[in-house]
């Protein structure tokens, strides 16, 4: 038996989370990436101490979700694995481009990338 691995292109959807409101008083845009086993909406709790009017946080969501243990209760996510890494990197970059375009960040804001 000969196994063939093939690829297919399709449209996909993924969420992301934000913290605070993007407004005229926003000075800093944070693009924050969670680590393995996190979800973006929960990761943002670490940034609640910043002044709300000046800081806007965007937390992209890693695409590969999985259950964290055998109880199937808590879900985490991963950005990449060693499996098909080059294709997955391209998928992540396309997703980040879409997130950035969706937010329409003003050029006057300073960008901080964490993760």
Foldseek 3Di string as FASTA:
>chain_A
DDDDDDDDDDDDDFDKDKAADDDPQAAEEEEEEDAWFAFRVVVCVVPVPDPRSHYMYIYGGADAKDQPDPVSPGITHHNADPPPGVVSVVVVVVVVVVVCVVVPDDPNHHYHYYD
